[in-house]
Amino acid sequence: MKAVKARISKGLCHRSVVATCDNSGAKLLRIVSVVGSKTVHGRKPSCGIGDLILASVIKGSPEMRKQVVYAVIVRQKKEYRRLSGIRVGFEDNAA
């Protein structure tokens, strides 16, 4: 797997709601924390594409709801710029 050749702008913040794009039974996730994030004291951690997050399931199957799960951000609305100059943005936020 190749690394992302871009400086990803952090488009999602703490407590953002994102859709899921897998078949685990969860539909919507709320971001609880960003794994490995270091910030200034008092600043909320933010995340972008490729970041590992901890999220709680707020909508989905009854077995999945109210569970805390790990997820990876795969799409974000906020544009980021690749080294080639192309700006990439998606329709929605997803993990």
PDB file of N, CA and C in Angstrom:
ATOM      1  N   MET A   1       0.834  -1.175   0.000  1.00  0.00           N
ATOM      2  CA  MET A   1       0.000   0.000   0.000  1.00  0.00           C
ATOM      3  C   MET A   1       0.881   1.241   0.000  1.00  0.00           C
ATOM      4  N   LYS A   2       0.572   2.199  -0.870  1.00  0.00           N
ATOM      5  CA  LYS A   2       1.366   3.418  -0.955  1.00  0.00           C
ATOM      6  C   LYS A   2       0.846   4.465   0.018  1.00  0.00           C
ATOM      7  N   ALA A   3       1.728   5.344   0.438  1.00  0.00           N
ATOM      8  CA  ALA A   3       1.332   6.445   1.303  1.00  0.00           C
ATOM      9  C   ALA A   3       0.602   7.509   0.484  1.00  0.00           C
ATOM     10  N   VAL A   4      -0.186   8.329   1.171  1.00  0.00           N
ATOM     11  CA  VAL A   4      -0.892   9.419   0.505  1.00  0.00           C
ATOM     12  C   VAL A   4       0.115  10.513   0.203  1.00  0.00           C
ATOM     13  N   LYS A   5       0.244  10.879  -1.085  1.00  0.00           N
ATOM     14  CA  LYS A   5       1.216  11.901  -1.469  1.00  0.00           C
ATOM     15  C   LYS A   5       0.552  13.268  -1.466  1.00  0.00           C
ATOM     16  N   ALA A   6       0.217  13.724  -0.284  1.00  0.00           N
ATOM     17  CA  ALA A   6      -0.415  15.032  -0.131  1.00  0.00           C
ATOM     18  C   ALA A   6      -0.351  15.430   1.329  1.00  0.00           C
ATOM     19  N   ARG A   7      -0.526  16.709   1.568  1.00  0.00           N
ATOM     20  CA  ARG A   7      -0.643  17.190   2.946  1.00  0.00           C
ATOM     21  C   ARG A   7      -2.134  17.341   3.205  1.00  0.00           C
ATOM     22  N   ILE A   8      -2.696  16.392   3.928  1.00  0.00           N
ATOM     23  CA  ILE A   8      -4.143  16.331   4.118  1.00  0.00           C
ATOM     24  C   ILE A   8      -4.598  17.436   5.061  1.00  0.00           C
ATOM     25  N   SER A   9      -5.558  18.241   4.613  1.00  0.00           N
ATOM     26  CA  SER A   9      -6.156  19.231   5.506  1.00  0.00           C
ATOM     27  C   SER A   9      -7.143  18.501   6.412  1.00  0.00           C
ATOM     28  N   LYS A  10      -7.133  18.856   7.673  1.00  0.00           N
ATOM     29  CA  LYS A  10      -7.965  18.177   8.662  1.00  0.00           C
ATOM     30  C   LYS A  10      -9.379  18.745   8.600  1.00  0.00           C
ATOM     31  N   GLY A  11     -10.277  18.022   7.974  1.00  0.00           N
ATOM     32  CA  GLY A  11     -11.611  18.542   7.722  1.00  0.00           C
ATOM     33  C   GLY A  11     -12.673  18.122   8.715  1.00  0.00           C
ATOM     34  N   LEU A  12     -12.353  17.209   9.631  1.00  0.00           N
ATOM     35  CA  LEU A  12     -13.337  16.724  10.592  1.00  0.00           C
ATOM     36  C   LEU A  12     -12.836  16.980  12.005  1.00  0.00           C
ATOM     37  N   CYS A  13     -13.738  17.413  12.872  1.00  0.00           N
ATOM     38  CA  CYS A  13     -13.330  17.719  14.242  1.00  0.00           C
ATOM     39  C   CYS A  13     -13.992  16.756  15.228  1.00  0.00           C
ATOM     40  N   HIS A  14     -13.675  16.953  16.489  1.00  0.00           N
ATOM     41  CA  HIS A  14     -14.212  16.167  17.588  1.00  0.00           C
ATOM     42  C   HIS A  14     -15.739  16.254  17.582  1.00  0.00           C
ATOM     43  N   ARG A  15     -16.433  15.123  17.763  1.00  0.00           N
ATOM     44  CA  ARG A  15     -17.897  15.012  17.808  1.00  0.00           C
ATOM     45  C   ARG A  15     -18.571  15.228  16.450  1.00  0.00           C
ATOM     46  N   SER A  16     -17.827  15.160  15.352  1.00  0.00           N
ATOM     47  CA  SER A  16     -18.445  15.194  14.024  1.00  0.00           C
ATOM     48  C   SER A  16     -19.155  13.867  13.769  1.00  0.00           C
ATOM     49  N   VAL A  17     -20.206  13.908  12.978  1.00  0.00           N
ATOM     50  CA  VAL A  17     -20.951  12.701  12.619  1.00  0.00           C
ATOM     51  C   VAL A  17     -20.579  12.317  11.194  1.00  0.00           C
ATOM     52  N   VAL A  18     -20.156  11.065  11.006  1.00  0.00           N
ATOM     53  CA  VAL A  18     -19.755  10.578   9.688  1.00  0.00           C
ATOM     54  C   VAL A  18     -20.527   9.302   9.355  1.00  0.00           C
ATOM     55  N   ALA A  19     -20.736   9.074   8.074  1.00  0.00           N
ATOM     56  CA  ALA A  19     -21.382   7.848   7.608  1.00  0.00           C
ATOM     57  C   ALA A  19     -20.350   6.724   7.566  1.00  0.00           C
ATOM     58  N   THR A  20     -20.832   5.497   7.529  1.00  0.00           N
ATOM     59  CA  THR A  20     -19.921   4.360   7.394  1.00  0.00           C
ATOM     60  C   THR A  20     -20.034   3.795   5.981  1.00  0.00           C
ATOM     61  N   CYS A  21     -18.970   3.152   5.529  1.00  0.00           N
ATOM     62  CA  CYS A  21     -18.974   2.581   4.176  1.00  0.00           C
ATOM     63  C   CYS A  21     -18.550   1.114   4.218  1.00  0.00           C
ATOM     64  N   ASP A  22     -19.069   0.387   5.213  1.00  0.00           N
ATOM     65  CA  ASP A  22     -18.791  -1.041   5.293  1.00  0.00           C
ATOM     66  C   ASP A  22     -20.091  -1.772   5.638  1.00  0.00           C
ATOM     67  N   ASN A  23     -19.996  -3.071   5.848  1.00  0.00           N
ATOM     68  CA  ASN A  23     -21.194  -3.866   6.109  1.00  0.00           C
ATOM     69  C   ASN A  23     -21.247  -4.366   7.552  1.00  0.00           C
ATOM     70  N   SER A  24     -20.752  -3.567   8.499  1.00  0.00           N
ATOM     71  CA  SER A  24     -20.717  -3.986   9.901  1.00  0.00           C
ATOM     72  C   SER A  24     -22.066  -3.856  10.591  1.00  0.00           C
ATOM     73  N   GLY A  25     -22.997  -3.110  10.014  1.00  0.00           N
ATOM     74  CA  GLY A  25     -24.292  -2.888  10.641  1.00  0.00           C
ATOM     75  C   GLY A  25     -24.439  -1.483  11.185  1.00  0.00           C
ATOM     76  N   ALA A  26     -23.344  -0.740  11.272  1.00  0.00           N
ATOM     77  CA  ALA A  26     -23.395   0.649  11.722  1.00  0.00           C
ATOM     78  C   ALA A  26     -23.704   1.552  10.536  1.00  0.00           C
ATOM     79  N   LYS A  27     -24.480   2.605  10.767  1.00  0.00           N
ATOM     80  CA  LYS A  27     -24.821   3.556   9.709  1.00  0.00           C
ATOM     81  C   LYS A  27     -24.156   4.909   9.936  1.00  0.00           C
ATOM     82  N   LEU A  28     -24.226   5.428  11.165  1.00  0.00           N
ATOM     83  CA  LEU A  28     -23.631   6.721  11.497  1.00  0.00           C
ATOM     84  C   LEU A  28     -22.716   6.578  12.700  1.00  0.00           C
ATOM     85  N   LEU A  29     -21.586   7.280  12.646  1.00  0.00           N
ATOM     86  CA  LEU A  29     -20.611   7.275  13.738  1.00  0.00           C
ATOM     87  C   LEU A  29     -20.395   8.697  14.229  1.00  0.00           C
ATOM     88  N   ARG A  30     -20.159   8.851  15.531  1.00  0.00           N
ATOM     89  CA  ARG A  30     -19.766  10.145  16.093  1.00  0.00           C
ATOM     90  C   ARG A  30     -18.318  10.014  16.559  1.00  0.00           C
ATOM     91  N   ILE A  31     -17.449  10.907  16.082  1.00  0.00           N
ATOM     92  CA  ILE A  31     -16.027  10.848  16.410  1.00  0.00           C
ATOM     93  C   ILE A  31     -15.831  11.190  17.881  1.00  0.00           C
ATOM     94  N   VAL A  32     -15.192  10.289  18.615  1.00  0.00           N
ATOM     95  CA  VAL A  32     -14.915  10.485  20.037  1.00  0.00           C
ATOM     96  C   VAL A  32     -13.510  11.026  20.224  1.00  0.00           C
ATOM     97  N   SER A  33     -12.527  10.400  19.559  1.00  0.00           N
ATOM     98  CA  SER A  33     -11.150  10.878  19.662  1.00  0.00           C
ATOM     99  C   SER A  33     -10.367  10.442  18.434  1.00  0.00           C
ATOM    100  N   VAL A  34      -9.213  11.068  18.253  1.00  0.00           N
ATOM    101  CA  VAL A  34      -8.320  10.744  17.149  1.00  0.00           C
ATOM    102  C   VAL A  34      -7.107  10.040  17.741  1.00  0.00           C
ATOM    103  N   VAL A  35      -6.841   8.825  17.287  1.00  0.00           N
ATOM    104  CA  VAL A  35      -5.739   8.035  17.828  1.00  0.00           C
ATOM    105  C   VAL A  35      -4.414   8.628  17.370  1.00  0.00           C
ATOM    106  N   GLY A  36      -3.518   8.887  18.314  1.00  0.00           N
ATOM    107  CA  GLY A  36      -2.192   9.410  17.995  1.00  0.00           C
ATOM    108  C   GLY A  36      -2.146  10.896  17.753  1.00  0.00           C
ATOM    109  N   SER A  37      -3.198  11.615  18.090  1.00  0.00           N
ATOM    110  CA  SER A  37      -3.238  13.056  17.853  1.00  0.00           C
ATOM    111  C   SER A  37      -2.624  13.804  19.029  1.00  0.00           C
ATOM    112  N   LYS A  38      -1.768  14.766  18.721  1.00  0.00           N
ATOM    113  CA  LYS A  38      -1.167  15.610  19.752  1.00  0.00           C
ATOM    114  C   LYS A  38      -1.497  17.054  19.411  1.00  0.00           C
ATOM    115  N   THR A  39      -2.065  17.774  20.367  1.00  0.00           N
ATOM    116  CA  THR A  39      -2.444  19.154  20.121  1.00  0.00           C
ATOM    117  C   THR A  39      -1.995  20.032  21.279  1.00  0.00           C
ATOM    118  N   VAL A  40      -2.174  21.316  21.094  1.00  0.00           N
ATOM    119  CA  VAL A  40      -1.910  22.287  22.142  1.00  0.00           C
ATOM    120  C   VAL A  40      -2.961  22.103  23.238  1.00  0.00           C
ATOM    121  N   HIS A  41      -2.613  22.408  24.467  1.00  0.00           N
ATOM    122  CA  HIS A  41      -3.542  22.261  25.582  1.00  0.00           C
ATOM    123  C   HIS A  41      -4.815  23.062  25.328  1.00  0.00           C
ATOM    124  N   GLY A  42      -5.968  22.407  25.399  1.00  0.00           N
ATOM    125  CA  GLY A  42      -7.241  23.074  25.200  1.00  0.00           C
ATOM    126  C   GLY A  42      -7.780  22.990  23.787  1.00  0.00           C
ATOM    127  N   ARG A  43      -6.976  22.566  22.820  1.00  0.00           N
ATOM    128  CA  ARG A  43      -7.442  22.467  21.434  1.00  0.00           C
ATOM    129  C   ARG A  43      -8.042  21.082  21.192  1.00  0.00           C
ATOM    130  N   LYS A  44      -9.153  21.049  20.513  1.00  0.00           N
ATOM    131  CA  LYS A  44      -9.800  19.777  20.184  1.00  0.00           C
ATOM    132  C   LYS A  44      -9.061  19.118  19.019  1.00  0.00           C
ATOM    133  N   PRO A  45      -8.855  17.808  19.074  1.00  0.00           N
ATOM    134  CA  PRO A  45      -8.173  17.138  17.966  1.00  0.00           C
ATOM    135  C   PRO A  45      -9.055  17.077  16.722  1.00  0.00           C
ATOM    136  N   SER A  46      -8.434  17.204  15.555  1.00  0.00           N
ATOM    137  CA  SER A  46      -9.154  17.092  14.290  1.00  0.00           C
ATOM    138  C   SER A  46      -8.532  15.965  13.479  1.00  0.00           C
ATOM    139  N   CYS A  47      -9.225  15.524  12.436  1.00  0.00           N
ATOM    140  CA  CYS A  47      -8.727  14.398  11.653  1.00  0.00           C
ATOM    141  C   CYS A  47      -9.077  14.582  10.185  1.00  0.00           C
ATOM    142  N   GLY A  48      -8.349  13.865   9.353  1.00  0.00           N
ATOM    143  CA  GLY A  48      -8.553  13.897   7.915  1.00  0.00           C
ATOM    144  C   GLY A  48      -8.458  12.493   7.347  1.00  0.00           C
ATOM    145  N   ILE A  49      -8.333  12.410   6.046  1.00  0.00           N
ATOM    146  CA  ILE A  49      -8.287  11.115   5.369  1.00  0.00           C
ATOM    147  C   ILE A  49      -7.066  10.321   5.837  1.00  0.00           C
ATOM    148  N   GLY A  50      -7.292   9.050   6.156  1.00  0.00           N
ATOM    149  CA  GLY A  50      -6.220   8.166   6.577  1.00  0.00           C
ATOM    150  C   GLY A  50      -5.979   8.136   8.069  1.00  0.00           C
ATOM    151  N   ASP A  51      -6.679   8.957   8.847  1.00  0.00           N
ATOM    152  CA  ASP A  51      -6.486   8.983  10.297  1.00  0.00           C
ATOM    153  C   ASP A  51      -7.344   7.912  10.968  1.00  0.00           C
ATOM    154  N   LEU A  52      -6.781   7.297  12.009  1.00  0.00           N
ATOM    155  CA  LEU A  52      -7.491   6.300  12.802  1.00  0.00           C
ATOM    156  C   LEU A  52      -8.250   7.018  13.907  1.00  0.00           C
ATOM    157  N   ILE A  53      -9.529   6.710  14.047  1.00  0.00           N
ATOM    158  CA  ILE A  53     -10.356   7.383  15.051  1.00  0.00           C
ATOM    159  C   ILE A  53     -11.045   6.359  15.939  1.00  0.00           C
ATOM    160  N   LEU A  54     -11.466   6.810  17.109  1.00  0.00           N
ATOM    161  CA  LEU A  54     -12.389   6.076  17.963  1.00  0.00           C
ATOM    162  C   LEU A  54     -13.743   6.741  17.792  1.00  0.00           C
ATOM    163  N   ALA A  55     -14.779   5.960  17.537  1.00  0.00           N
ATOM    164  CA  ALA A  55     -16.093   6.540  17.288  1.00  0.00           C
ATOM    165  C   ALA A  55     -17.165   5.704  17.963  1.00  0.00           C
ATOM    166  N   SER A  56     -18.251   6.365  18.339  1.00  0.00           N
ATOM    167  CA  SER A  56     -19.393   5.648  18.895  1.00  0.00           C
ATOM    168  C   SER A  56     -20.463   5.534  17.814  1.00  0.00           C
ATOM    169  N   VAL A  57     -21.131   4.393  17.793  1.00  0.00           N
ATOM    170  CA  VAL A  57     -22.169   4.138  16.797  1.00  0.00           C
ATOM    171  C   VAL A  57     -23.457   4.785  17.293  1.00  0.00           C
ATOM    172  N   ILE A  58     -24.011   5.730  16.511  1.00  0.00           N
ATOM    173  CA  ILE A  58     -25.234   6.406  16.935  1.00  0.00           C
ATOM    174  C   ILE A  58     -26.454   5.962  16.142  1.00  0.00           C
ATOM    175  N   LYS A  59     -26.244   5.302  15.008  1.00  0.00           N
ATOM    176  CA  LYS A  59     -27.364   4.767  14.240  1.00  0.00           C
ATOM    177  C   LYS A  59     -26.906   3.495  13.551  1.00  0.00           C
ATOM    178  N   GLY A  60     -27.716   2.455  13.646  1.00  0.00           N
ATOM    179  CA  GLY A  60     -27.370   1.189  13.021  1.00  0.00           C
ATOM    180  C   GLY A  60     -28.174   0.059  13.623  1.00  0.00           C
ATOM    181  N   SER A  61     -27.672  -1.153  13.474  1.00  0.00           N
ATOM    182  CA  SER A  61     -28.372  -2.315  14.008  1.00  0.00           C
ATOM    183  C   SER A  61     -28.343  -2.272  15.539  1.00  0.00           C
ATOM    184  N   PRO A  62     -29.318  -2.888  16.192  1.00  0.00           N
ATOM    185  CA  PRO A  62     -29.375  -2.835  17.659  1.00  0.00           C
ATOM    186  C   PRO A  62     -28.134  -3.408  18.346  1.00  0.00           C
ATOM    187  N   GLU A  63     -27.465  -4.379  17.714  1.00  0.00           N
ATOM    188  CA  GLU A  63     -26.259  -4.956  18.320  1.00  0.00           C
ATOM    189  C   GLU A  63     -25.084  -3.983  18.271  1.00  0.00           C
ATOM    190  N   MET A  64     -25.047  -3.135  17.242  1.00  0.00           N
ATOM    191  CA  MET A  64     -23.915  -2.215  17.059  1.00  0.00           C
ATOM    192  C   MET A  64     -24.088  -0.891  17.796  1.00  0.00           C
ATOM    193  N   ARG A  65     -25.346  -0.466  18.011  1.00  0.00           N
ATOM    194  CA  ARG A  65     -25.583   0.843  18.621  1.00  0.00           C
ATOM    195  C   ARG A  65     -24.958   0.938  20.007  1.00  0.00           C
ATOM    196  N   LYS A  66     -24.488   2.127  20.351  1.00  0.00           N
ATOM    197  CA  LYS A  66     -23.907   2.475  21.651  1.00  0.00           C
ATOM    198  C   LYS A  66     -22.590   1.758  21.916  1.00  0.00           C
ATOM    199  N   GLN A  67     -21.920   1.278  20.870  1.00  0.00           N
ATOM    200  CA  GLN A  67     -20.602   0.668  21.019  1.00  0.00           C
ATOM    201  C   GLN A  67     -19.544   1.649  20.546  1.00  0.00           C
ATOM    202  N   VAL A  68     -18.354   1.543  21.134  1.00  0.00           N
ATOM    203  CA  VAL A  68     -17.220   2.358  20.701  1.00  0.00           C
ATOM    204  C   VAL A  68     -16.351   1.491  19.802  1.00  0.00           C
ATOM    205  N   VAL A  69     -16.082   1.971  18.584  1.00  0.00           N
ATOM    206  CA  VAL A  69     -15.355   1.188  17.589  1.00  0.00           C
ATOM    207  C   VAL A  69     -14.209   2.016  17.008  1.00  0.00           C
ATOM    208  N   TYR A  70     -13.235   1.320  16.431  1.00  0.00           N
ATOM    209  CA  TYR A  70     -12.166   1.972  15.680  1.00  0.00           C
ATOM    210  C   TYR A  70     -12.610   2.116  14.230  1.00  0.00           C
ATOM    211  N   ALA A  71     -12.181   3.199  13.583  1.00  0.00           N
ATOM    212  CA  ALA A  71     -12.505   3.405  12.168  1.00  0.00           C
ATOM    213  C   ALA A  71     -11.407   4.249  11.526  1.00  0.00           C
ATOM    214  N   VAL A  72     -11.340   4.223  10.209  1.00  0.00           N
ATOM    215  CA  VAL A  72     -10.391   5.027   9.440  1.00  0.00           C
ATOM    216  C   VAL A  72     -11.195   5.948   8.530  1.00  0.00           C
ATOM    217  N   ILE A  73     -10.821   7.213   8.485  1.00  0.00           N
ATOM    218  CA  ILE A  73     -11.499   8.177   7.622  1.00  0.00           C
ATOM    219  C   ILE A  73     -11.099   7.888   6.173  1.00  0.00           C
ATOM    220  N   VAL A  74     -12.099   7.687   5.291  1.00  0.00           N
ATOM    221  CA  VAL A  74     -11.813   7.383   3.886  1.00  0.00           C
ATOM    222  C   VAL A  74     -12.282   8.473   2.926  1.00  0.00           C
ATOM    223  N   ARG A  75     -13.241   9.320   3.340  1.00  0.00           N
ATOM    224  CA  ARG A  75     -13.705  10.432   2.507  1.00  0.00           C
ATOM    225  C   ARG A  75     -13.966  11.641   3.388  1.00  0.00           C
ATOM    226  N   GLN A  76     -13.689  12.835   2.853  1.00  0.00           N
ATOM    227  CA  GLN A  76     -14.041  14.071   3.556  1.00  0.00           C
ATOM    228  C   GLN A  76     -14.452  15.130   2.543  1.00  0.00           C
ATOM    229  N   LYS A  77     -15.378  16.004   2.949  1.00  0.00           N
ATOM    230  CA  LYS A  77     -15.852  17.067   2.066  1.00  0.00           C
ATOM    231  C   LYS A  77     -14.788  18.130   1.851  1.00  0.00           C
ATOM    232  N   LYS A  78     -14.044  18.440   2.886  1.00  0.00           N
ATOM    233  CA  LYS A  78     -13.009  19.475   2.801  1.00  0.00           C
ATOM    234  C   LYS A  78     -11.953  19.060   1.783  1.00  0.00           C
ATOM    235  N   GLU A  79     -11.659  19.941   0.839  1.00  0.00           N
ATOM    236  CA  GLU A  79     -10.681  19.631  -0.201  1.00  0.00           C
ATOM    237  C   GLU A  79      -9.273  19.559   0.372  1.00  0.00           C
ATOM    238  N   TYR A  80      -8.470  18.683  -0.212  1.00  0.00           N
ATOM    239  CA  TYR A  80      -7.039  18.676   0.070  1.00  0.00           C
ATOM    240  C   TYR A  80      -6.297  18.671  -1.257  1.00  0.00           C
ATOM    241  N   ARG A  81      -5.075  19.178  -1.244  1.00  0.00           N
ATOM    242  CA  ARG A  81      -4.306  19.364  -2.471  1.00  0.00           C
ATOM    243  C   ARG A  81      -3.244  18.284  -2.598  1.00  0.00           C
ATOM    244  N   ARG A  82      -3.222  17.612  -3.737  1.00  0.00           N
ATOM    245  CA  ARG A  82      -2.172  16.638  -4.020  1.00  0.00           C
ATOM    246  C   ARG A  82      -0.935  17.374  -4.512  1.00  0.00           C
ATOM    247  N   LEU A  83       0.200  16.675  -4.538  1.00  0.00           N
ATOM    248  CA  LEU A  83       1.448  17.292  -4.982  1.00  0.00           C
ATOM    249  C   LEU A  83       1.390  17.697  -6.448  1.00  0.00           C
ATOM    250  N   SER A  84       0.543  17.033  -7.229  1.00  0.00           N
ATOM    251  CA  SER A  84       0.400  17.376  -8.646  1.00  0.00           C
ATOM    252  C   SER A  84      -0.415  18.649  -8.858  1.00  0.00           C
ATOM    253  N   GLY A  85      -1.016  19.184  -7.807  1.00  0.00           N
ATOM    254  CA  GLY A  85      -1.799  20.404  -7.905  1.00  0.00           C
ATOM    255  C   GLY A  85      -3.299  20.179  -7.944  1.00  0.00           C
ATOM    256  N   ILE A  86      -3.715  18.934  -8.091  1.00  0.00           N
ATOM    257  CA  ILE A  86      -5.141  18.614  -8.145  1.00  0.00           C
ATOM    258  C   ILE A  86      -5.737  18.723  -6.745  1.00  0.00           C
ATOM    259  N   ARG A  87      -6.928  19.300  -6.661  1.00  0.00           N
ATOM    260  CA  ARG A  87      -7.637  19.370  -5.386  1.00  0.00           C
ATOM    261  C   ARG A  87      -8.701  18.276  -5.363  1.00  0.00           C
ATOM    262  N   VAL A  88      -8.711  17.503  -4.282  1.00  0.00           N
ATOM    263  CA  VAL A  88      -9.615  16.367  -4.164  1.00  0.00           C
ATOM    264  C   VAL A  88     -10.578  16.610  -3.009  1.00  0.00           C
ATOM    265  N   GLY A  89     -11.871  16.484  -3.285  1.00  0.00           N
ATOM    266  CA  GLY A  89     -12.909  16.583  -2.260  1.00  0.00           C
ATOM    267  C   GLY A  89     -14.026  15.619  -2.621  1.00  0.00           C
ATOM    268  N   PHE A  90     -14.777  15.160  -1.640  1.00  0.00           N
ATOM    269  CA  PHE A  90     -15.832  14.179  -1.871  1.00  0.00           C
ATOM    270  C   PHE A  90     -17.190  14.769  -1.516  1.00  0.00           C
ATOM    271  N   GLU A  91     -18.259  14.048  -1.861  1.00  0.00           N
ATOM    272  CA  GLU A  91     -19.618  14.504  -1.576  1.00  0.00           C
ATOM    273  C   GLU A  91     -19.948  14.462  -0.095  1.00  0.00           C
ATOM    274  N   ASP A  92     -19.384  13.484   0.626  1.00  0.00           N
ATOM    275  CA  ASP A  92     -19.735  13.312   2.029  1.00  0.00           C
ATOM    276  C   ASP A  92     -18.508  12.920   2.835  1.00  0.00           C
ATOM    277  N   ASN A  93     -18.699  12.841   4.145  1.00  0.00           N
ATOM    278  CA  ASN A  93     -17.660  12.357   5.048  1.00  0.00           C
ATOM    279  C   ASN A  93     -17.977  10.903   5.366  1.00  0.00           C
ATOM    280  N   ALA A  94     -16.972  10.035   5.323  1.00  0.00           N
ATOM    281  CA  ALA A  94     -17.224   8.620   5.588  1.00  0.00           C
ATOM    282  C   ALA A  94     -16.025   7.971   6.249  1.00  0.00           C
ATOM    283  N   ALA A  95     -16.332   6.936   7.044  1.00  0.00           N
ATOM    284  CA  ALA A  95     -15.283   6.170   7.730  1.00  0.00           C
ATOM    285  C   ALA A  95     -15.556   4.690   7.556  1.00  0.00           C
TER     286      ALA A  95
END
